[in-house]
């Protein structure tokens, strides 16, 4: 359920301004009346799932804080972070763990006020650039040197800025339509600059800006699918790959109907991944998927904050290298190299080959058991559960959620404490969990979690390799076990190999990329089939990062949508 309380700041936008165009259905004057149609034939990837598998339904996607900042920066040519100007927080991360998954949000009066404050601050900033070139000239260049400013300039700004803000053409042609109402807001504010400020406020407070939504050309029965129109597809592409609004080239492609075939869509993917904006993908993978966005908040009494910063940078360097070099995404878990500075090399007990101790240099790890981000200190610390001892269930849960995509239920209530009398002296975490997991109410989950976490026990909380438990009388570490899919693991090095090559992990990686693209959890039978098929094609030997992205965007899940009931 979506709760939108229309009060407070919304009154500034005029009665009736928030209408059906912000919902999943459209009207005769809405975007679908002026947008080129899509082509369902372009989205037939994952044929193994059948020729007409269900595309599923993605609900309203509220812009995350980072997406809001990026979008307003691109829209108004500013370097300011809008969220800092108004100090607002977007919806929390959804079940997928991605900030773009906003399936459960509440829009309160305070939230709306913050959005209004941000819109006002951004408008004021743009007006201050008048006479200095830059943002004002790019948004309202036709007004410079004009006194009075002609109505044709008002109309030009409404249509141009309106399309870019709402990421589709502004409907025009009859009294009371979008362009007429926006023009009335501009004309009713006083001077041209007053009108420009009012226009920016109206555009940015509208659900048409705040949400990335998919609408059908007409009311549909629940379950009936339709193809995204060209502008909706352009937005879905840009927010997936860039975390922001489409650029001029993508807008032009949508306006010309050039996103209606697989080859054209693939060409846009290649272009967009080559753009520096694709660093957004790397950031999303690092923070929301590898899950190290909270690393700086972990208190580490015996570790300097500079080392934690270096940990995060190591992971960022590796993921960015994979994206920018168009390597297979499975390099995330298989890379026999990393990027280290002196303090990280010291942490790992490795020689540092660089001359500048603060600079990150590429280091060959082929002679070590470390492979990819899951053997890097950032992930190992973020998932350890404690800085004084490792907690295998915590690491196991991180691996199960994001790397094997195992469905694990929350722990049942009133789980009895472990009977310490049943444990031998100096019990290891593996021995403790064996007793705990024998409880029938706990067994089903621990059968999944424990082997994954125990398999990583040769890494301590800070990601250092170890062979014994120093705090448990130097008892040797036994990291062997049998995973939920039946794979036998002899130790941590074997576990790392599994994470680098397992088909289970490949399917999960493809599923996570699809969830990132769709801003929703993939849980239906057809969703899971698409993830499996996409993993097989987009992560095959010799594949590139762009191959996986194309497999995702050319699926029916990406290009089509199941409609709501009328």
Protein backbone atom coordinates (compact mmCIF):
# COMPACT_ATOMS: atom_id res chain seq x y z
CA UNK A 1 0.00 0.00 0.00
CA UNK A 2 1.18 3.49 -0.80
CA UNK A 3 0.25 6.34 1.52
CA UNK A 4 0.62 9.83 0.09
CA UNK A 5 -0.60 12.58 2.37
CA UNK A 6 -1.28 15.59 0.18
CA UNK A 7 -0.92 18.49 2.53
CA UNK A 8 1.43 21.21 3.64
CA UNK A 9 3.65 22.22 0.76
CA UNK A 10 1.38 20.65 -1.83
CA UNK A 11 -1.04 23.51 -1.50
CA UNK A 12 1.49 25.72 -3.27
CA UNK A 13 1.01 23.76 -6.48
CA UNK A 14 -2.63 24.53 -6.98
CA UNK A 15 -5.81 22.53 -6.72
CA UNK A 16 -5.91 19.39 -8.83
CA UNK A 17 -2.25 19.52 -9.74
CA UNK A 18 -1.61 16.02 -8.42
CA UNK A 19 -3.75 13.93 -10.72
CA UNK A 20 -3.91 10.56 -12.41
CA UNK A 21 -0.69 11.14 -14.29
CA UNK A 22 1.20 10.20 -11.15
CA UNK A 23 -0.45 6.80 -10.94
CA UNK A 24 -0.07 3.61 -12.93
CA UNK A 25 -2.95 4.43 -15.30
CA UNK A 26 -2.80 7.14 -17.94
CA UNK A 27 -5.30 9.53 -19.46
CA UNK A 28 -5.95 10.84 -22.99
CA UNK A 29 -3.64 13.80 -22.41
CA UNK A 30 -0.91 11.89 -20.55
CA UNK A 31 2.46 10.57 -21.58
CA UNK A 32 1.13 7.72 -23.65
CA UNK A 33 -0.77 10.09 -25.92
CA UNK A 34 2.49 11.65 -27.08
CA UNK A 35 5.06 8.88 -26.58
CA UNK A 36 6.09 6.44 -29.29
CA UNK A 37 4.91 2.93 -28.55
CA UNK A 38 7.26 0.16 -27.55
CA UNK A 39 7.82 -3.14 -29.31
CA UNK A 40 7.37 -6.32 -27.31
CA UNK A 41 9.33 -8.32 -29.90
CA UNK A 42 12.50 -6.56 -28.72
CA UNK A 43 12.21 -8.19 -25.30
CA UNK A 44 12.30 -11.90 -25.93
CA UNK A 45 15.55 -12.86 -24.23
CA UNK A 46 15.55 -15.85 -21.87
CA UNK A 47 13.69 -17.94 -24.44
CA UNK A 48 14.30 -20.97 -22.21
CA UNK A 49 11.45 -19.60 -20.11
CA UNK A 50 9.00 -19.73 -23.01
CA UNK A 51 7.90 -17.23 -25.62
CA UNK A 52 5.47 -15.35 -23.37
CA UNK A 53 6.66 -15.73 -19.81
CA UNK A 54 5.19 -13.26 -17.32
CA UNK A 55 7.11 -9.97 -17.03
CA UNK A 56 5.85 -9.33 -13.49
CA UNK A 57 4.82 -6.01 -12.01
CA UNK A 58 7.09 -3.25 -10.69
CA UNK A 59 5.35 -0.75 -8.45
CA UNK A 60 6.11 2.94 -8.05
CA UNK A 61 9.82 3.59 -7.56
CA UNK A 62 10.49 6.59 -5.34
CA UNK A 63 13.79 8.23 -6.20
CA UNK A 64 16.44 7.27 -3.66
CA UNK A 65 18.45 10.04 -2.05
CA UNK A 66 21.35 9.44 -4.44
CA UNK A 67 19.01 9.31 -7.46
CA UNK A 68 17.34 12.55 -6.37
CA UNK A 69 20.72 14.25 -6.03
CA UNK A 70 21.94 13.00 -9.41
CA UNK A 71 18.70 13.84 -11.18
CA UNK A 72 18.44 17.41 -9.89
CA UNK A 73 22.14 17.95 -10.68
CA UNK A 74 21.60 16.83 -14.29
CA UNK A 75 18.29 18.65 -14.65
CA UNK A 76 19.41 22.02 -13.26
CA UNK A 77 23.14 21.85 -14.00
CA UNK A 78 24.14 22.18 -10.36
CA UNK A 79 26.87 20.58 -8.29
CA UNK A 80 24.90 20.97 -5.07
CA UNK A 81 23.42 17.92 -3.38
CA UNK A 82 19.73 18.64 -3.13
CA UNK A 83 19.28 16.36 -0.12
CA UNK A 84 21.86 18.42 1.78
CA UNK A 85 20.00 21.63 1.00
CA UNK A 86 16.80 20.31 2.60
CA UNK A 87 18.23 17.57 4.83
CA UNK A 88 15.70 14.95 3.78
CA UNK A 89 15.92 11.20 3.75
CA UNK A 90 14.34 9.01 1.10
CA UNK A 91 12.59 5.72 1.76
CA UNK A 92 14.62 2.93 3.37
CA UNK A 93 16.02 0.09 1.29
CA UNK A 94 13.53 -2.58 0.32
CA UNK A 95 13.70 -6.34 0.63
CA UNK A 96 16.29 -6.64 -2.16
CA UNK A 97 18.75 -4.51 -0.20
CA UNK A 98 18.97 -1.93 -2.99
CA UNK A 99 18.19 1.72 -2.26
CA UNK A 100 16.10 1.84 -5.43
CA UNK A 101 13.74 -0.83 -4.10
CA UNK A 102 11.13 1.39 -2.47
CA UNK A 103 8.21 -1.03 -2.48
CA UNK A 104 7.08 0.09 0.97
CA UNK A 105 7.17 3.82 1.55
CA UNK A 106 5.09 6.43 3.30
CA UNK A 107 4.88 10.03 2.11
CA UNK A 108 4.16 12.25 5.11
CA UNK A 109 3.61 15.99 5.39
CA UNK A 110 7.16 16.35 6.72
CA UNK A 111 8.58 14.41 3.77
CA UNK A 112 6.69 16.60 1.33
CA UNK A 113 7.89 19.72 3.13
CA UNK A 114 11.48 18.55 2.74
CA UNK A 115 10.96 17.98 -0.99
CA UNK A 116 9.43 21.46 -1.24
CA UNK A 117 12.38 22.98 0.61
CA UNK A 118 14.82 21.20 -1.71
CA UNK A 119 12.95 22.41 -4.80
CA UNK A 120 12.94 25.97 -3.46
CA UNK A 121 16.65 25.93 -2.63
CA UNK A 122 17.51 24.53 -6.06
CA UNK A 123 15.37 27.15 -7.82
CA UNK A 124 16.98 29.97 -5.82
CA UNK A 125 20.43 28.65 -6.67
CA UNK A 126 19.62 28.59 -10.39
CA UNK A 127 18.28 32.15 -10.31
CA UNK A 128 21.49 33.35 -8.66
CA UNK A 129 23.41 32.18 -11.72
CA UNK A 130 21.52 34.62 -13.99
CA UNK A 131 24.01 36.82 -15.78
CA UNK A 132 26.86 34.43 -15.11
CA UNK A 133 26.16 31.95 -17.88
CA UNK A 134 26.01 28.39 -16.66
CA UNK A 135 22.80 26.91 -15.27
CA UNK A 136 20.42 29.81 -15.92
CA UNK A 137 21.58 30.15 -19.51
CA UNK A 138 21.09 26.42 -20.12
CA UNK A 139 17.61 26.35 -18.61
CA UNK A 140 16.24 29.74 -19.69
CA UNK A 141 18.69 31.20 -22.19
CA UNK A 142 15.83 32.62 -24.26
CA UNK A 143 15.05 35.07 -21.44
CA UNK A 144 18.51 36.61 -21.20
CA UNK A 145 18.46 40.24 -22.41
CA UNK A 146 14.68 40.21 -22.98
CA UNK A 147 12.47 42.82 -21.29
CA UNK A 148 9.70 41.90 -21.30
CA UNK A 149 10.30 38.20 -21.87
CA UNK A 150 8.04 37.00 -24.73
CA UNK A 151 5.44 34.30 -24.13
CA UNK A 152 7.23 32.09 -26.63
CA UNK A 153 10.14 31.88 -24.16
CA UNK A 154 7.78 30.93 -21.34
CA UNK A 155 6.35 28.17 -23.52
CA UNK A 156 9.78 26.95 -24.57
CA UNK A 157 10.98 26.67 -20.97
CA UNK A 158 7.79 24.89 -19.86
CA UNK A 159 8.04 22.27 -22.59
CA UNK A 160 11.81 21.78 -22.41
CA UNK A 161 12.30 21.79 -18.64
CA UNK A 162 9.02 19.96 -18.13
CA UNK A 163 10.02 17.10 -20.42
CA UNK A 164 13.41 16.73 -18.78
CA UNK A 165 11.98 16.89 -15.24
CA UNK A 166 9.14 14.46 -15.86
CA UNK A 167 11.22 12.41 -18.31
CA UNK A 168 8.55 12.46 -21.01
CA UNK A 169 6.88 15.05 -23.27
CA UNK A 170 4.52 17.49 -21.59
CA UNK A 171 1.02 16.92 -22.95
CA UNK A 172 -0.39 19.86 -24.87
CA UNK A 173 -3.28 20.73 -27.11
CA UNK A 174 -6.34 21.59 -25.06
CA UNK A 175 -7.40 23.94 -22.30
CA UNK A 176 -6.46 22.57 -18.88
CA UNK A 177 -3.73 20.24 -20.17
CA UNK A 178 -0.30 19.92 -18.57
CA UNK A 179 1.46 22.59 -20.59
CA UNK A 180 -1.35 25.09 -20.05
CA UNK A 181 -1.38 24.52 -16.30
CA UNK A 182 2.40 24.80 -16.00
CA UNK A 183 2.36 27.93 -18.15
CA UNK A 184 -0.33 29.38 -15.89
CA UNK A 185 1.90 28.75 -12.87
CA UNK A 186 4.73 30.68 -14.54
CA UNK A 187 2.55 33.56 -15.67
CA UNK A 188 0.81 33.86 -12.30
CA UNK A 189 3.99 34.33 -10.28
CA UNK A 190 4.96 37.88 -11.33
CA UNK A 191 8.26 38.40 -13.18
CA UNK A 192 9.80 35.78 -15.47
CA UNK A 193 12.28 34.76 -12.78
CA UNK A 194 9.50 34.49 -10.21
CA UNK A 195 7.65 32.30 -12.70
CA UNK A 196 10.73 30.17 -13.35
CA UNK A 197 11.10 29.56 -9.62
CA UNK A 198 7.43 28.60 -9.33
CA UNK A 199 7.79 26.27 -12.32
CA UNK A 200 10.81 24.49 -10.84
CA UNK A 201 8.99 24.09 -7.53
CA UNK A 202 5.91 22.68 -9.25
CA UNK A 203 7.88 20.27 -11.42
CA UNK A 204 10.06 18.95 -8.59
CA UNK A 205 7.26 18.51 -6.04
CA UNK A 206 5.16 16.53 -8.51
CA UNK A 207 4.92 12.72 -8.31
CA UNK A 208 5.84 12.80 -12.00
CA UNK A 209 9.34 13.83 -10.87
CA UNK A 210 9.63 12.03 -7.53
CA UNK A 211 8.60 8.62 -8.86
CA UNK A 212 9.81 6.50 -11.75
CA UNK A 213 6.57 4.81 -12.75
CA UNK A 214 5.31 2.62 -15.56
CA UNK A 215 1.84 3.35 -16.96
CA UNK A 216 -0.26 1.41 -19.42
CA UNK A 217 -1.90 2.98 -22.51
CA UNK A 218 -5.29 2.06 -21.11
CA UNK A 219 -6.81 0.33 -18.12
CA UNK A 220 -5.74 -3.29 -18.03
CA UNK A 221 -6.91 -6.41 -16.32
CA UNK A 222 -4.64 -7.72 -13.62
CA UNK A 223 -1.96 -9.93 -15.14
CA UNK A 224 -2.31 -8.65 -18.72
CA UNK A 225 1.05 -7.41 -19.99
CA UNK A 226 1.93 -4.34 -22.02
CA UNK A 227 5.15 -2.94 -23.43
CA UNK A 228 6.79 0.09 -21.86
CA UNK A 229 6.61 3.14 -24.08
CA UNK A 230 9.85 4.61 -25.36
CA UNK A 231 10.20 7.27 -22.64
CA UNK A 232 9.46 4.82 -19.85
CA UNK A 233 12.09 2.50 -21.29
CA UNK A 234 14.60 5.35 -21.54
CA UNK A 235 14.04 6.16 -17.85
CA UNK A 236 14.33 2.53 -16.81
CA UNK A 237 17.64 2.30 -18.68
CA UNK A 238 19.05 5.53 -17.29
CA UNK A 239 18.13 4.86 -13.68
CA UNK A 240 19.51 1.32 -13.93
CA UNK A 241 22.84 2.24 -15.49
CA UNK A 242 23.33 5.86 -14.36
CA UNK A 243 21.05 6.39 -11.36
CA UNK A 244 19.72 9.53 -13.01
CA UNK A 245 17.49 10.94 -15.75
CA UNK A 246 18.10 10.20 -19.45
CA UNK A 247 20.55 12.42 -21.31
CA UNK A 248 19.70 14.28 -24.52
CA UNK A 249 20.74 11.37 -26.74
CA UNK A 250 18.51 8.94 -24.88
CA UNK A 251 15.61 11.39 -24.94
CA UNK A 252 16.09 11.82 -28.70
CA UNK A 253 16.20 8.06 -29.25
CA UNK A 254 12.92 7.70 -27.33
CA UNK A 255 11.26 10.57 -29.23
CA UNK A 256 12.29 8.99 -32.56
CA UNK A 257 11.10 5.52 -31.57
CA UNK A 258 14.63 4.12 -31.76
CA UNK A 259 14.38 1.98 -28.62
CA UNK A 260 12.01 -0.48 -30.24
CA UNK A 261 14.46 -3.18 -31.33
CA UNK A 262 17.10 -5.24 -29.58
CA UNK A 263 20.02 -3.92 -31.63
CA UNK A 264 19.25 -0.28 -30.82
CA UNK A 265 18.75 -1.00 -27.15
CA UNK A 266 22.02 -2.93 -27.07
CA UNK A 267 23.82 -0.02 -28.72
CA UNK A 268 22.48 2.33 -26.04
CA UNK A 269 23.68 -0.04 -23.32
CA UNK A 270 27.18 -0.04 -24.82
CA UNK A 271 27.19 3.76 -25.05
CA UNK A 272 25.90 4.24 -21.54
CA UNK A 273 28.31 1.78 -19.94
CA UNK A 274 31.21 3.61 -21.61
CA UNK A 275 30.06 6.87 -20.00
CA UNK A 276 31.62 7.91 -16.65
CA UNK A 277 28.09 8.01 -15.25
CA UNK A 278 28.18 4.20 -15.20
CA UNK A 279 30.23 4.55 -12.02
CA UNK A 280 26.77 4.58 -10.43
CA UNK A 281 26.53 0.85 -11.12
CA UNK A 282 29.82 0.19 -9.36
CA UNK A 283 28.72 2.28 -6.37
CA UNK A 284 25.41 0.40 -6.13
CA UNK A 285 27.16 -2.96 -6.26
CA UNK A 286 29.68 -1.92 -3.62
CA UNK A 287 27.29 -0.29 -1.16
CA UNK A 288 23.99 -2.13 -1.58
CA UNK A 289 25.12 -5.55 -2.81
CA UNK A 290 28.53 -6.24 -1.28
CA UNK A 291 27.03 -4.31 1.62
CA UNK A 292 29.82 -2.13 2.94
CA UNK A 293 27.93 1.18 3.09
CA UNK A 294 27.84 0.96 6.90
CA UNK A 295 31.51 0.06 7.29
CA UNK A 296 32.53 3.45 8.67
CA UNK A 297 30.02 3.09 11.52
CA UNK A 298 31.59 -0.13 12.84
CA UNK A 299 33.64 0.60 15.95
CA UNK A 300 37.07 -1.03 15.63
CA UNK A 301 39.10 -0.45 18.79
CA UNK A 302 42.25 -2.09 17.44
CA UNK A 303 42.00 -0.77 13.89
CA UNK A 304 42.57 2.79 12.69
CA UNK A 305 39.77 4.50 10.79
CA UNK A 306 42.18 5.06 7.91
CA UNK A 307 42.41 1.28 7.47
CA UNK A 308 38.60 1.01 7.28
CA UNK A 309 38.62 3.72 4.64
CA UNK A 310 41.25 1.76 2.71
CA UNK A 311 39.14 -1.38 2.97
CA UNK A 312 36.19 0.36 1.34
CA UNK A 313 38.42 1.85 -1.36
CA UNK A 314 39.86 -1.57 -2.21
CA UNK A 315 36.39 -2.93 -2.94
CA UNK A 316 35.44 0.22 -4.86
CA UNK A 317 38.60 -0.02 -7.00
CA UNK A 318 37.97 -3.64 -7.93
CA UNK A 319 34.30 -3.25 -8.83
CA UNK A 320 34.99 -0.06 -10.80
CA UNK A 321 37.77 -1.87 -12.66
CA UNK A 322 35.36 -4.67 -13.63
CA UNK A 323 32.72 -2.24 -14.89
CA UNK A 324 35.09 0.09 -16.75
CA UNK A 325 37.06 -2.77 -18.36
CA UNK A 326 33.85 -4.60 -19.32
CA UNK A 327 35.02 -7.80 -17.64
CA UNK A 328 32.69 -10.60 -16.60
CA UNK A 329 30.80 -9.72 -13.44
CA UNK A 330 31.86 -13.06 -11.97
CA UNK A 331 35.27 -11.41 -11.63
CA UNK A 332 33.71 -9.97 -8.47
CA UNK A 333 34.20 -13.33 -6.80
CA UNK A 334 37.09 -14.75 -8.85
CA UNK A 335 39.62 -11.92 -9.33
CA UNK A 336 43.16 -13.09 -8.52
CA UNK A 337 44.21 -9.46 -8.15
CA UNK A 338 43.23 -6.45 -6.11
CA UNK A 339 44.18 -2.83 -5.47
CA UNK A 340 46.09 -2.25 -2.24
CA UNK A 341 47.88 0.53 -0.45
CA UNK A 342 50.61 -0.03 2.13
CA UNK A 343 48.39 -0.36 5.19
CA UNK A 344 46.13 -2.92 3.48
CA UNK A 345 49.11 -4.92 2.25
CA UNK A 346 50.38 -4.93 5.83
CA UNK A 347 46.97 -6.07 7.10
CA UNK A 348 47.07 -8.98 4.64
CA UNK A 349 50.75 -9.71 5.43
CA UNK A 350 51.66 -9.11 1.79
CA UNK A 351 54.60 -7.18 0.31
CA UNK A 352 53.65 -3.77 -1.05
CA UNK A 353 55.10 -3.14 -4.53
CA UNK A 354 54.38 0.58 -4.71
CA UNK A 355 56.56 3.59 -3.93
CA UNK A 356 53.80 5.80 -2.45
CA UNK A 357 52.38 4.07 0.67
CA UNK A 358 49.02 5.86 0.31
CA UNK A 359 48.51 5.08 -3.38
CA UNK A 360 46.51 2.04 -4.44
CA UNK A 361 48.34 -0.24 -6.85
CA UNK A 362 47.25 -3.39 -8.63
CA UNK A 363 48.58 -6.45 -6.80
CA UNK A 364 48.73 -10.05 -8.03
CA UNK A 365 47.05 -12.39 -5.54
CA UNK A 366 47.36 -15.64 -7.52
CA UNK A 367 49.73 -17.13 -4.93
CA UNK A 368 47.26 -16.43 -2.10
CA UNK A 369 43.82 -17.89 -1.35
CA UNK A 370 42.19 -14.47 -1.79
CA UNK A 371 39.83 -14.09 -4.71
CA UNK A 372 37.41 -11.23 -5.36
CA UNK A 373 35.41 -9.01 -3.03
CA UNK A 374 34.26 -11.80 -0.71
CA UNK A 375 37.83 -12.31 0.51
CA UNK A 376 38.44 -8.59 0.93
CA UNK A 377 38.56 -7.02 4.37
CA UNK A 378 35.61 -4.70 3.72
CA UNK A 379 33.10 -7.51 3.20
CA UNK A 380 34.67 -9.70 5.87
CA UNK A 381 34.47 -6.95 8.50
CA UNK A 382 30.99 -5.80 7.49
CA UNK A 383 29.66 -9.37 7.73
CA UNK A 384 31.68 -10.60 10.73
CA UNK A 385 29.04 -9.65 13.29
CA UNK A 386 31.70 -8.61 15.81
CA UNK A 387 35.22 -7.20 15.85
CA UNK A 388 36.36 -9.49 18.65
CA UNK A 389 35.18 -12.77 17.16
CA UNK A 390 33.62 -13.98 13.93
CA UNK A 391 30.02 -15.06 13.94
CA UNK A 392 29.53 -17.55 11.10
CA UNK A 393 25.76 -17.16 11.06
CA UNK A 394 26.16 -13.43 10.25
CA UNK A 395 28.57 -14.08 7.39
CA UNK A 396 26.47 -17.02 6.28
CA UNK A 397 23.39 -14.79 6.12
CA UNK A 398 25.24 -12.19 4.03
CA UNK A 399 26.34 -14.89 1.59
CA UNK A 400 22.95 -16.59 1.50
CA UNK A 401 21.06 -13.33 0.86
CA UNK A 402 23.27 -11.84 -1.83
CA UNK A 403 25.43 -14.59 -3.31
CA UNK A 404 23.42 -17.83 -3.30
CA UNK A 405 19.97 -16.14 -3.13
CA UNK A 406 18.80 -18.65 -0.55
CA UNK A 407 15.47 -17.85 1.07
CA UNK A 408 15.99 -17.88 4.81
CA UNK A 409 13.14 -17.19 7.21
CA UNK A 410 13.65 -14.97 10.28
CA UNK A 411 14.56 -16.87 13.44
CA UNK A 412 11.56 -18.27 15.31
CA UNK A 413 10.57 -16.65 18.63
CA UNK A 414 11.70 -18.00 21.98
CA UNK A 415 14.62 -20.04 20.72
CA UNK A 416 16.08 -21.77 23.81
CA UNK A 417 19.64 -21.01 24.87
CA UNK A 418 22.37 -23.48 23.95
CA UNK A 419 23.04 -26.08 26.60
CA UNK A 420 26.64 -25.30 27.46
CA UNK A 421 26.95 -28.64 29.22
CA UNK A 422 26.65 -30.34 25.86
CA UNK A 423 29.73 -28.50 24.58
CA UNK A 424 33.33 -29.65 24.97
CA UNK A 425 35.97 -27.28 26.44
CA UNK A 426 37.27 -24.63 24.02
CA UNK A 427 34.40 -25.24 21.64
CA UNK A 428 34.77 -23.73 18.20
CA UNK A 429 31.94 -21.83 16.46
CA UNK A 430 31.40 -24.91 14.30
CA UNK A 431 30.87 -27.11 17.36
CA UNK A 432 28.54 -24.59 18.97
CA UNK A 433 26.44 -24.30 15.82
CA UNK A 434 26.25 -28.08 15.48
CA UNK A 435 24.49 -28.22 18.85
CA UNK A 436 22.31 -25.20 18.07
CA UNK A 437 21.37 -26.51 14.65
CA UNK A 438 20.19 -29.80 16.12
CA UNK A 439 17.13 -27.95 17.43
CA UNK A 440 14.33 -28.85 14.95
CA UNK A 441 12.97 -25.29 14.97
CA UNK A 442 16.39 -23.95 13.94
CA UNK A 443 17.66 -26.71 11.67
CA UNK A 444 16.16 -25.65 8.33
CA UNK A 445 17.76 -22.20 8.38
CA UNK A 446 21.06 -23.23 9.93
CA UNK A 447 21.44 -25.95 7.33
CA UNK A 448 21.75 -23.07 4.82
CA UNK A 449 23.58 -20.45 6.86
CA UNK A 450 26.11 -22.37 8.92
CA UNK A 451 28.14 -24.08 6.17
CA UNK A 452 28.46 -20.79 4.27
CA UNK A 453 29.70 -18.87 7.30
CA UNK A 454 31.92 -21.67 8.63
CA UNK A 455 33.45 -21.98 5.19
CA UNK A 456 34.86 -18.44 5.62
CA UNK A 457 36.26 -19.00 9.13
CA UNK A 458 39.89 -18.85 7.98
CA UNK A 459 39.35 -15.07 7.78
CA UNK A 460 39.13 -13.22 11.08
CA UNK A 461 36.88 -10.20 11.69
CA UNK A 462 39.38 -7.85 10.01
CA UNK A 463 39.90 -10.09 6.99
CA UNK A 464 43.28 -11.48 8.07
CA UNK A 465 44.06 -15.09 7.18
CA UNK A 466 44.36 -17.43 10.14
CA UNK A 467 44.69 -21.17 10.78
CA UNK A 468 43.76 -21.28 14.48
CA UNK A 469 41.46 -19.50 16.93
CA UNK A 470 43.85 -17.37 18.96
CA UNK A 471 41.16 -16.66 21.55
CA UNK A 472 40.24 -20.35 21.94
CA UNK A 473 43.59 -21.82 22.99
CA UNK A 474 44.79 -21.80 19.36
CA UNK A 475 42.38 -24.59 18.44
CA UNK A 476 42.78 -25.37 14.68
CA UNK A 477 40.08 -23.98 12.39
CA UNK A 478 37.89 -26.55 10.64
CA UNK A 479 36.12 -24.70 7.81
CA UNK A 480 34.84 -27.81 6.04
CA UNK A 481 31.18 -28.62 5.49
CA UNK A 482 28.44 -29.41 3.02
CA UNK A 483 26.48 -26.54 1.46
CA UNK A 484 22.73 -26.52 0.97
CA UNK A 485 23.08 -27.44 -2.72
CA UNK A 486 25.09 -30.55 -1.77
CA UNK A 487 28.54 -29.17 -2.56
CA UNK A 488 31.23 -30.46 -0.19
CA UNK A 489 33.68 -27.78 1.00
CA UNK A 490 37.07 -28.81 2.40
CA UNK A 491 38.00 -25.38 3.75
CA UNK A 492 38.01 -21.65 3.11
CA UNK A 493 40.14 -21.84 -0.03
CA UNK A 494 37.64 -24.36 -1.41
CA UNK A 495 34.78 -22.08 -0.38
CA UNK A 496 36.33 -19.19 -2.30
CA UNK A 497 36.56 -21.40 -5.41
CA UNK A 498 32.87 -22.29 -5.04
CA UNK A 499 31.88 -18.63 -4.84
CA UNK A 500 33.95 -17.92 -7.96
CA UNK A 501 32.46 -20.55 -10.25
CA UNK A 502 29.27 -22.13 -8.87
CA UNK A 503 26.20 -22.07 -11.10
CA UNK A 504 24.20 -21.30 -7.95
CA UNK A 505 26.22 -18.12 -7.49
CA UNK A 506 25.97 -17.23 -11.20
CA UNK A 507 22.18 -17.51 -11.08
CA UNK A 508 22.10 -15.35 -7.93
CA UNK A 509 24.37 -12.70 -9.51
CA UNK A 510 22.03 -12.50 -12.50
CA UNK A 511 19.03 -12.30 -10.17
CA UNK A 512 20.56 -9.43 -8.20
CA UNK A 513 21.31 -7.53 -11.40
CA UNK A 514 17.69 -8.02 -12.46
CA UNK A 515 16.37 -6.83 -9.10
CA UNK A 516 18.59 -3.77 -9.35
CA UNK A 517 17.15 -3.02 -12.79
CA UNK A 518 13.50 -3.58 -11.83
CA UNK A 519 13.54 -2.00 -8.35
CA UNK A 520 11.68 -5.01 -6.99
CA UNK A 521 12.33 -8.47 -5.65
CA UNK A 522 12.44 -11.35 -8.15
CA UNK A 523 10.33 -14.06 -6.58
CA UNK A 524 7.86 -15.45 -9.10
CA UNK A 525 8.55 -18.67 -10.99
CA UNK A 526 9.08 -16.78 -14.25
CA UNK A 527 11.39 -14.28 -12.52
CA UNK A 528 13.58 -17.09 -11.24
CA UNK A 529 13.62 -18.76 -14.64
CA UNK A 530 14.78 -15.51 -16.22
CA UNK A 531 17.52 -15.17 -13.60
CA UNK A 532 18.75 -18.69 -14.29
CA UNK A 533 18.65 -18.23 -18.07
CA UNK A 534 20.27 -14.79 -17.83
CA UNK A 535 23.02 -16.18 -15.63
CA UNK A 536 23.72 -18.94 -18.14
CA UNK A 537 23.93 -16.55 -21.10
CA UNK A 538 25.29 -13.37 -19.52
CA UNK A 539 27.88 -15.08 -17.32
CA UNK A 540 29.11 -17.80 -19.65
CA UNK A 541 32.85 -18.28 -20.05
CA UNK A 542 34.30 -15.37 -22.00
CA UNK A 543 31.30 -13.12 -21.35
CA UNK A 544 31.56 -9.41 -20.65
CA UNK A 545 29.81 -7.20 -18.12
CA UNK A 546 27.80 -5.66 -20.96
CA UNK A 547 26.58 -9.13 -22.01
CA UNK A 548 24.93 -9.60 -18.63
CA UNK A 549 23.41 -6.11 -18.66
CA UNK A 550 22.00 -6.69 -22.15
CA UNK A 551 20.57 -10.04 -21.11
CA UNK A 552 18.73 -8.25 -18.31
CA UNK A 553 17.43 -5.29 -20.34
CA UNK A 554 16.30 -7.47 -23.23
CA UNK A 555 14.14 -9.66 -21.00
CA UNK A 556 10.39 -9.29 -20.82
CA UNK A 557 10.85 -8.39 -17.13
CA UNK A 558 12.61 -5.20 -18.17
CA UNK A 559 10.67 -4.15 -21.27
CA UNK A 560 7.15 -5.23 -20.35
CA UNK A 561 4.91 -4.91 -17.32
CA UNK A 562 1.88 -6.69 -15.94
CA UNK A 563 -0.95 -4.22 -15.52
CA UNK A 564 -3.16 -3.53 -12.53
CA UNK A 565 -6.87 -4.13 -12.49
CA UNK A 566 -8.93 -1.13 -13.72
